[in-house]
Amino acid sequence: MNKLVLQAEVVQIEPLRYTPAGIPLLSVVLRHVSEQVEAGMKRKVECEVNAVALGDLALKGLLSIGTHIQATGFLAKRSLKSTQLVMHINHIERI
């Protein structure tokens, strides 16, 4: 299963663009900060995740800089020749 749920702050938004098939695509960067337990010890976790929203989700205006969200989606390679992972967002909730 490939499912990712991430609570994060939107820290960067690229201009809206369209895929060759004409589907709206919005690229964003999400910053996550939390405390996790690993091997019985607390650990502070900070990361930035590249993410994309496609179709109606890209047009809804739910993503703006500084907004805190819970994003649900999956991970995929940026392109066929890339090894970099990108989160593809299927659902967004403001928190």
C-alpha atoms as a PDB file:
ATOM      1  CA  MET A   1       0.000   0.000   0.000  1.00  0.00           C
ATOM      2  CA  ASN A   2       1.229   3.488  -0.833  1.00  0.00           C
ATOM      3  CA  LYS A   3      -0.621   6.000   1.356  1.00  0.00           C
ATOM      4  CA  LEU A   4       0.753   9.094   3.040  1.00  0.00           C
ATOM      5  CA  VAL A   5      -1.021  11.337   5.564  1.00  0.00           C
ATOM      6  CA  LEU A   6       0.941  14.435   6.522  1.00  0.00           C
ATOM      7  CA  GLN A   7       0.133  17.416   8.723  1.00  0.00           C
ATOM      8  CA  ALA A   8       2.147  20.321   7.415  1.00  0.00           C
ATOM      9  CA  GLU A   9       2.387  24.015   6.648  1.00  0.00           C
ATOM     10  CA  VAL A  10       2.356  25.216   3.047  1.00  0.00           C
ATOM     11  CA  VAL A  11       5.649  27.104   2.602  1.00  0.00           C
ATOM     12  CA  GLN A  12       5.908  27.471  -1.173  1.00  0.00           C
ATOM     13  CA  ILE A  13       3.466  27.476  -4.087  1.00  0.00           C
ATOM     14  CA  GLU A  14       4.423  27.473  -7.754  1.00  0.00           C
ATOM     15  CA  PRO A  15       2.193  29.166 -10.331  1.00  0.00           C
ATOM     16  CA  LEU A  16      -0.675  26.998 -11.586  1.00  0.00           C
ATOM     17  CA  ARG A  17       0.222  25.115 -14.748  1.00  0.00           C
ATOM     18  CA  TYR A  18      -1.363  22.475 -16.943  1.00  0.00           C
ATOM     19  CA  THR A  19      -0.218  18.997 -17.940  1.00  0.00           C
ATOM     20  CA  PRO A  20       0.063  18.160 -21.654  1.00  0.00           C
ATOM     21  CA  ALA A  21      -3.396  16.579 -21.263  1.00  0.00           C
ATOM     22  CA  GLY A  22      -4.794  19.913 -20.030  1.00  0.00           C
ATOM     23  CA  ILE A  23      -5.156  18.929 -16.357  1.00  0.00           C
ATOM     24  CA  PRO A  24      -4.505  21.746 -13.835  1.00  0.00           C
ATOM     25  CA  LEU A  25      -1.428  21.067 -11.676  1.00  0.00           C
ATOM     26  CA  LEU A  26      -0.314  22.977  -8.593  1.00  0.00           C
ATOM     27  CA  SER A  27       3.156  22.263  -7.149  1.00  0.00           C
ATOM     28  CA  VAL A  28       3.757  23.082  -3.486  1.00  0.00           C
ATOM     29  CA  VAL A  29       6.295  22.523  -0.730  1.00  0.00           C
ATOM     30  CA  LEU A  30       4.982  21.308   2.626  1.00  0.00           C
ATOM     31  CA  ARG A  31       6.945  21.704   5.899  1.00  0.00           C
ATOM     32  CA  HIS A  32       6.294  19.146   8.625  1.00  0.00           C
ATOM     33  CA  VAL A  33       7.508  19.467  12.229  1.00  0.00           C
ATOM     34  CA  SER A  34       6.649  16.950  14.945  1.00  0.00           C
ATOM     35  CA  GLU A  35       7.990  14.785  17.724  1.00  0.00           C
ATOM     36  CA  GLN A  36       8.083  11.038  17.074  1.00  0.00           C
ATOM     37  CA  VAL A  37       9.098   8.038  19.163  1.00  0.00           C
ATOM     38  CA  GLU A  38      11.809   5.885  17.625  1.00  0.00           C
ATOM     39  CA  ALA A  39      13.462   2.962  19.419  1.00  0.00           C
ATOM     40  CA  GLY A  40      11.747   4.105  22.614  1.00  0.00           C
ATOM     41  CA  MET A  41      13.194   7.620  22.465  1.00  0.00           C
ATOM     42  CA  LYS A  42      11.615  10.924  21.456  1.00  0.00           C
ATOM     43  CA  ARG A  43      12.969  12.474  18.300  1.00  0.00           C
ATOM     44  CA  LYS A  44      12.198  15.849  16.732  1.00  0.00           C
ATOM     45  CA  VAL A  45      11.336  15.440  13.060  1.00  0.00           C
ATOM     46  CA  GLU A  46      11.472  18.259  10.520  1.00  0.00           C
ATOM     47  CA  CYS A  47      11.188  17.854   6.766  1.00  0.00           C
ATOM     48  CA  GLU A  48      10.032  19.555   3.602  1.00  0.00           C
ATOM     49  CA  VAL A  49       8.058  17.528   1.092  1.00  0.00           C
ATOM     50  CA  ASN A  50       7.455  18.415  -2.543  1.00  0.00           C
ATOM     51  CA  ALA A  51       3.813  17.807  -3.403  1.00  0.00           C
ATOM     52  CA  VAL A  52       1.374  18.256  -6.280  1.00  0.00           C
ATOM     53  CA  ALA A  53      -2.389  18.676  -6.462  1.00  0.00           C
ATOM     54  CA  LEU A  54      -4.084  17.940  -9.773  1.00  0.00           C
ATOM     55  CA  GLY A  55      -7.469  18.593 -11.307  1.00  0.00           C
ATOM     56  CA  ASP A  56     -10.220  20.221  -9.259  1.00  0.00           C
ATOM     57  CA  LEU A  57      -8.068  20.019  -6.115  1.00  0.00           C
ATOM     58  CA  ALA A  58      -5.531  22.351  -7.752  1.00  0.00           C
ATOM     59  CA  LEU A  59      -8.265  24.886  -8.543  1.00  0.00           C
ATOM     60  CA  LYS A  60     -10.139  24.928  -5.206  1.00  0.00           C
ATOM     61  CA  GLY A  61      -7.888  27.510  -3.557  1.00  0.00           C
ATOM     62  CA  LEU A  62      -7.337  25.400  -0.426  1.00  0.00           C
ATOM     63  CA  LEU A  63      -3.576  25.905  -0.565  1.00  0.00           C
ATOM     64  CA  SER A  64      -2.025  29.228   0.395  1.00  0.00           C
ATOM     65  CA  ILE A  65       1.310  30.053   2.007  1.00  0.00           C
ATOM     66  CA  GLY A  66       1.178  29.691   5.782  1.00  0.00           C
ATOM     67  CA  THR A  67      -1.903  27.460   5.750  1.00  0.00           C
ATOM     68  CA  HIS A  68      -1.739  24.391   8.001  1.00  0.00           C
ATOM     69  CA  ILE A  69      -3.242  21.329   6.366  1.00  0.00           C
ATOM     70  CA  GLN A  70      -3.597  17.612   6.618  1.00  0.00           C
ATOM     71  CA  ALA A  71      -2.827  16.181   3.193  1.00  0.00           C
ATOM     72  CA  THR A  72      -3.627  12.621   2.176  1.00  0.00           C
ATOM     73  CA  GLY A  73      -2.162  11.069  -0.930  1.00  0.00           C
ATOM     74  CA  PHE A  74       0.570   8.815  -2.259  1.00  0.00           C
ATOM     75  CA  LEU A  75       4.241   8.953  -3.246  1.00  0.00           C
ATOM     76  CA  ALA A  76       5.479   8.686  -6.832  1.00  0.00           C
ATOM     77  CA  LYS A  77       8.606   9.519  -8.789  1.00  0.00           C
ATOM     78  CA  ARG A  78       8.754  13.084 -10.120  1.00  0.00           C
ATOM     79  CA  SER A  79       9.151  11.705 -13.660  1.00  0.00           C
ATOM     80  CA  LEU A  80      10.010   8.485 -15.464  1.00  0.00           C
ATOM     81  CA  LYS A  81      13.746   9.168 -15.307  1.00  0.00           C
ATOM     82  CA  SER A  82      13.845  10.737 -11.826  1.00  0.00           C
ATOM     83  CA  THR A  83      14.375   9.008  -8.491  1.00  0.00           C
ATOM     84  CA  GLN A  84      13.085  12.003  -6.503  1.00  0.00           C
ATOM     85  CA  LEU A  85       9.779  11.352  -4.731  1.00  0.00           C
ATOM     86  CA  VAL A  86       6.795  13.710  -4.817  1.00  0.00           C
ATOM     87  CA  MET A  87       3.590  13.494  -2.792  1.00  0.00           C
ATOM     88  CA  HIS A  88       0.473  13.441  -4.964  1.00  0.00           C
ATOM     89  CA  ILE A  89      -2.319  14.932  -2.862  1.00  0.00           C
ATOM     90  CA  ASN A  90      -5.797  13.393  -3.138  1.00  0.00           C
ATOM     91  CA  HIS A  91      -7.454  15.116  -0.175  1.00  0.00           C
ATOM     92  CA  ILE A  92      -6.792  18.312   1.796  1.00  0.00           C
ATOM     93  CA  GLU A  93      -8.209  19.439   5.145  1.00  0.00           C
ATOM     94  CA  ARG A  94      -7.327  22.740   6.804  1.00  0.00           C
ATOM     95  CA  ILE A  95      -6.287  22.337  10.435  1.00  0.00           C
END
